[in-house]
């Protein structure tokens, strides 16, 4: 049974995949995305400056930008903080925050 991935999980997977220059087709295989979904997220990431593309030998290749790398680092650190608090049975009930169900 397949589980549905959330948007941040897909974005993270795409950014991790684009640490090297790859084509749309290569990204689709690495991130297990169909072309419609891959293009949707690529456009989102391009519009926000998290990735860029160049033409190499007649093909368009995508790669992560410095801003994308920073996003990936901060997001990963946030997940680690939340997971550490979760693993230590931390539950901040006074502010009604429920950050315990964040998944990639």
C-alpha atoms as a PDB file:
ATOM      1  CA  UNK A   1       0.000   0.000   0.000  1.00  0.00           C
ATOM      2  CA  UNK A   2       1.359   3.394  -0.991  1.00  0.00           C
ATOM      3  CA  UNK A   3       1.325   6.305   1.396  1.00  0.00           C
ATOM      4  CA  UNK A   4       0.718   9.823   0.196  1.00  0.00           C
ATOM      5  CA  UNK A   5       3.700  12.135   0.594  1.00  0.00           C
ATOM      6  CA  UNK A   6       3.223  15.658   1.870  1.00  0.00           C
ATOM      7  CA  UNK A   7       4.399  18.758   0.004  1.00  0.00           C
ATOM      8  CA  UNK A   8       7.392  19.440   2.234  1.00  0.00           C
ATOM      9  CA  UNK A   9       8.485  15.833   1.898  1.00  0.00           C
ATOM     10  CA  UNK A  10       8.377  16.082  -1.895  1.00  0.00           C
ATOM     11  CA  UNK A  11      10.193  19.431  -1.867  1.00  0.00           C
ATOM     12  CA  UNK A  12      12.899  18.016   0.392  1.00  0.00           C
ATOM     13  CA  UNK A  13      13.341  14.970  -1.819  1.00  0.00           C
ATOM     14  CA  UNK A  14      13.599  17.155  -4.934  1.00  0.00           C
ATOM     15  CA  UNK A  15      16.145  19.482  -3.317  1.00  0.00           C
ATOM     16  CA  UNK A  16      18.240  16.535  -2.137  1.00  0.00           C
ATOM     17  CA  UNK A  17      18.081  15.036  -5.643  1.00  0.00           C
ATOM     18  CA  UNK A  18      19.238  18.299  -7.208  1.00  0.00           C
ATOM     19  CA  UNK A  19      22.559  18.464  -5.383  1.00  0.00           C
ATOM     20  CA  UNK A  20      23.934  17.435  -8.767  1.00  0.00           C
ATOM     21  CA  UNK A  21      22.857  18.662 -12.214  1.00  0.00           C
ATOM     22  CA  UNK A  22      20.111  16.364 -13.491  1.00  0.00           C
ATOM     23  CA  UNK A  23      17.397  16.417 -16.135  1.00  0.00           C
ATOM     24  CA  UNK A  24      13.660  16.325 -15.536  1.00  0.00           C
ATOM     25  CA  UNK A  25      13.560  12.633 -16.436  1.00  0.00           C
ATOM     26  CA  UNK A  26      16.369  11.803 -14.006  1.00  0.00           C
ATOM     27  CA  UNK A  27      14.586  13.756 -11.281  1.00  0.00           C
ATOM     28  CA  UNK A  28      11.339  11.915 -11.962  1.00  0.00           C
ATOM     29  CA  UNK A  29      13.093   8.571 -11.453  1.00  0.00           C
ATOM     30  CA  UNK A  30      15.045   9.681  -8.366  1.00  0.00           C
ATOM     31  CA  UNK A  31      12.075  11.290  -6.630  1.00  0.00           C
ATOM     32  CA  UNK A  32       9.477   8.821  -7.971  1.00  0.00           C
ATOM     33  CA  UNK A  33       7.278  11.580  -9.412  1.00  0.00           C
ATOM     34  CA  UNK A  34       5.106  11.710 -12.504  1.00  0.00           C
ATOM     35  CA  UNK A  35       5.859  14.481 -15.006  1.00  0.00           C
ATOM     36  CA  UNK A  36       2.902  16.669 -14.000  1.00  0.00           C
ATOM     37  CA  UNK A  37       3.848  16.627 -10.304  1.00  0.00           C
ATOM     38  CA  UNK A  38       7.554  17.093 -11.022  1.00  0.00           C
ATOM     39  CA  UNK A  39       6.888  20.122 -13.246  1.00  0.00           C
ATOM     40  CA  UNK A  40       4.531  21.631 -10.651  1.00  0.00           C
ATOM     41  CA  UNK A  41       7.156  21.441  -7.916  1.00  0.00           C
ATOM     42  CA  UNK A  42      10.012  22.511 -10.187  1.00  0.00           C
ATOM     43  CA  UNK A  43       8.079  25.658 -11.110  1.00  0.00           C
ATOM     44  CA  UNK A  44       7.376  26.378  -7.432  1.00  0.00           C
ATOM     45  CA  UNK A  45      11.036  25.926  -6.511  1.00  0.00           C
ATOM     46  CA  UNK A  46      12.241  27.968  -9.510  1.00  0.00           C
ATOM     47  CA  UNK A  47       9.837  30.819  -8.678  1.00  0.00           C
ATOM     48  CA  UNK A  48      11.188  30.927  -5.125  1.00  0.00           C
ATOM     49  CA  UNK A  49      14.857  30.768  -6.110  1.00  0.00           C
ATOM     50  CA  UNK A  50      15.523  27.408  -4.457  1.00  0.00           C
ATOM     51  CA  UNK A  51      16.646  25.767  -7.711  1.00  0.00           C
ATOM     52  CA  UNK A  52      17.876  26.886 -11.123  1.00  0.00           C
ATOM     53  CA  UNK A  53      18.454  25.333 -14.508  1.00  0.00           C
ATOM     54  CA  UNK A  54      21.037  25.561 -17.270  1.00  0.00           C
ATOM     55  CA  UNK A  55      21.267  24.102 -20.737  1.00  0.00           C
ATOM     56  CA  UNK A  56      24.003  21.478 -21.130  1.00  0.00           C
ATOM     57  CA  UNK A  57      24.565  19.772 -24.461  1.00  0.00           C
ATOM     58  CA  UNK A  58      21.028  20.491 -25.621  1.00  0.00           C
ATOM     59  CA  UNK A  59      19.225  19.394 -22.460  1.00  0.00           C
ATOM     60  CA  UNK A  60      17.862  21.373 -19.528  1.00  0.00           C
ATOM     61  CA  UNK A  61      19.523  20.395 -16.238  1.00  0.00           C
ATOM     62  CA  UNK A  62      18.313  21.463 -12.819  1.00  0.00           C
ATOM     63  CA  UNK A  63      20.384  22.059  -9.699  1.00  0.00           C
ATOM     64  CA  UNK A  64      19.874  23.384  -6.183  1.00  0.00           C
ATOM     65  CA  UNK A  65      20.840  27.010  -5.423  1.00  0.00           C
ATOM     66  CA  UNK A  66      22.542  28.343  -2.311  1.00  0.00           C
ATOM     67  CA  UNK A  67      19.121  29.479  -1.066  1.00  0.00           C
ATOM     68  CA  UNK A  68      17.776  25.962  -1.655  1.00  0.00           C
ATOM     69  CA  UNK A  69      20.688  24.455   0.261  1.00  0.00           C
ATOM     70  CA  UNK A  70      20.030  26.804   3.180  1.00  0.00           C
ATOM     71  CA  UNK A  71      16.335  25.879   3.143  1.00  0.00           C
ATOM     72  CA  UNK A  72      17.213  22.183   3.188  1.00  0.00           C
ATOM     73  CA  UNK A  73      19.650  22.660   6.087  1.00  0.00           C
ATOM     74  CA  UNK A  74      17.220  24.688   8.204  1.00  0.00           C
ATOM     75  CA  UNK A  75      14.311  22.325   7.492  1.00  0.00           C
ATOM     76  CA  UNK A  76      16.422  19.283   8.406  1.00  0.00           C
ATOM     77  CA  UNK A  77      17.569  20.949  11.647  1.00  0.00           C
ATOM     78  CA  UNK A  78      13.974  21.801  12.536  1.00  0.00           C
ATOM     79  CA  UNK A  79      12.887  18.209  11.997  1.00  0.00           C
ATOM     80  CA  UNK A  80      15.752  16.964  14.152  1.00  0.00           C
ATOM     81  CA  UNK A  81      14.754  19.372  16.953  1.00  0.00           C
ATOM     82  CA  UNK A  82      11.120  18.317  16.786  1.00  0.00           C
ATOM     83  CA  UNK A  83      11.990  14.624  16.630  1.00  0.00           C
ATOM     84  CA  UNK A  84      14.382  14.944  19.594  1.00  0.00           C
ATOM     85  CA  UNK A  85      11.669  16.568  21.672  1.00  0.00           C
ATOM     86  CA  UNK A  86       9.206  13.909  20.541  1.00  0.00           C
ATOM     87  CA  UNK A  87      11.641  11.106  21.349  1.00  0.00           C
ATOM     88  CA  UNK A  88      12.172  12.571  24.816  1.00  0.00           C
ATOM     89  CA  UNK A  89       8.395  12.510  25.404  1.00  0.00           C
ATOM     90  CA  UNK A  90       8.298  16.284  25.259  1.00  0.00           C
ATOM     91  CA  UNK A  91       4.833  17.776  24.935  1.00  0.00           C
ATOM     92  CA  UNK A  92       4.319  21.498  25.347  1.00  0.00           C
ATOM     93  CA  UNK A  93       0.677  21.686  26.319  1.00  0.00           C
ATOM     94  CA  UNK A  94       0.662  25.268  27.600  1.00  0.00           C
ATOM     95  CA  UNK A  95       0.877  26.713  24.070  1.00  0.00           C
ATOM     96  CA  UNK A  96      -1.189  23.980  22.392  1.00  0.00           C
ATOM     97  CA  UNK A  97       1.519  23.275  19.834  1.00  0.00           C
ATOM     98  CA  UNK A  98       1.235  19.917  18.166  1.00  0.00           C
ATOM     99  CA  UNK A  99       4.475  19.504  16.230  1.00  0.00           C
ATOM    100  CA  UNK A 100       4.758  15.811  16.910  1.00  0.00           C
ATOM    101  CA  UNK A 101       3.407  14.584  13.578  1.00  0.00           C
ATOM    102  CA  UNK A 102       5.885  16.055  11.106  1.00  0.00           C
ATOM    103  CA  UNK A 103       7.052  13.491   8.570  1.00  0.00           C
ATOM    104  CA  UNK A 104       9.199  13.575   5.456  1.00  0.00           C
END
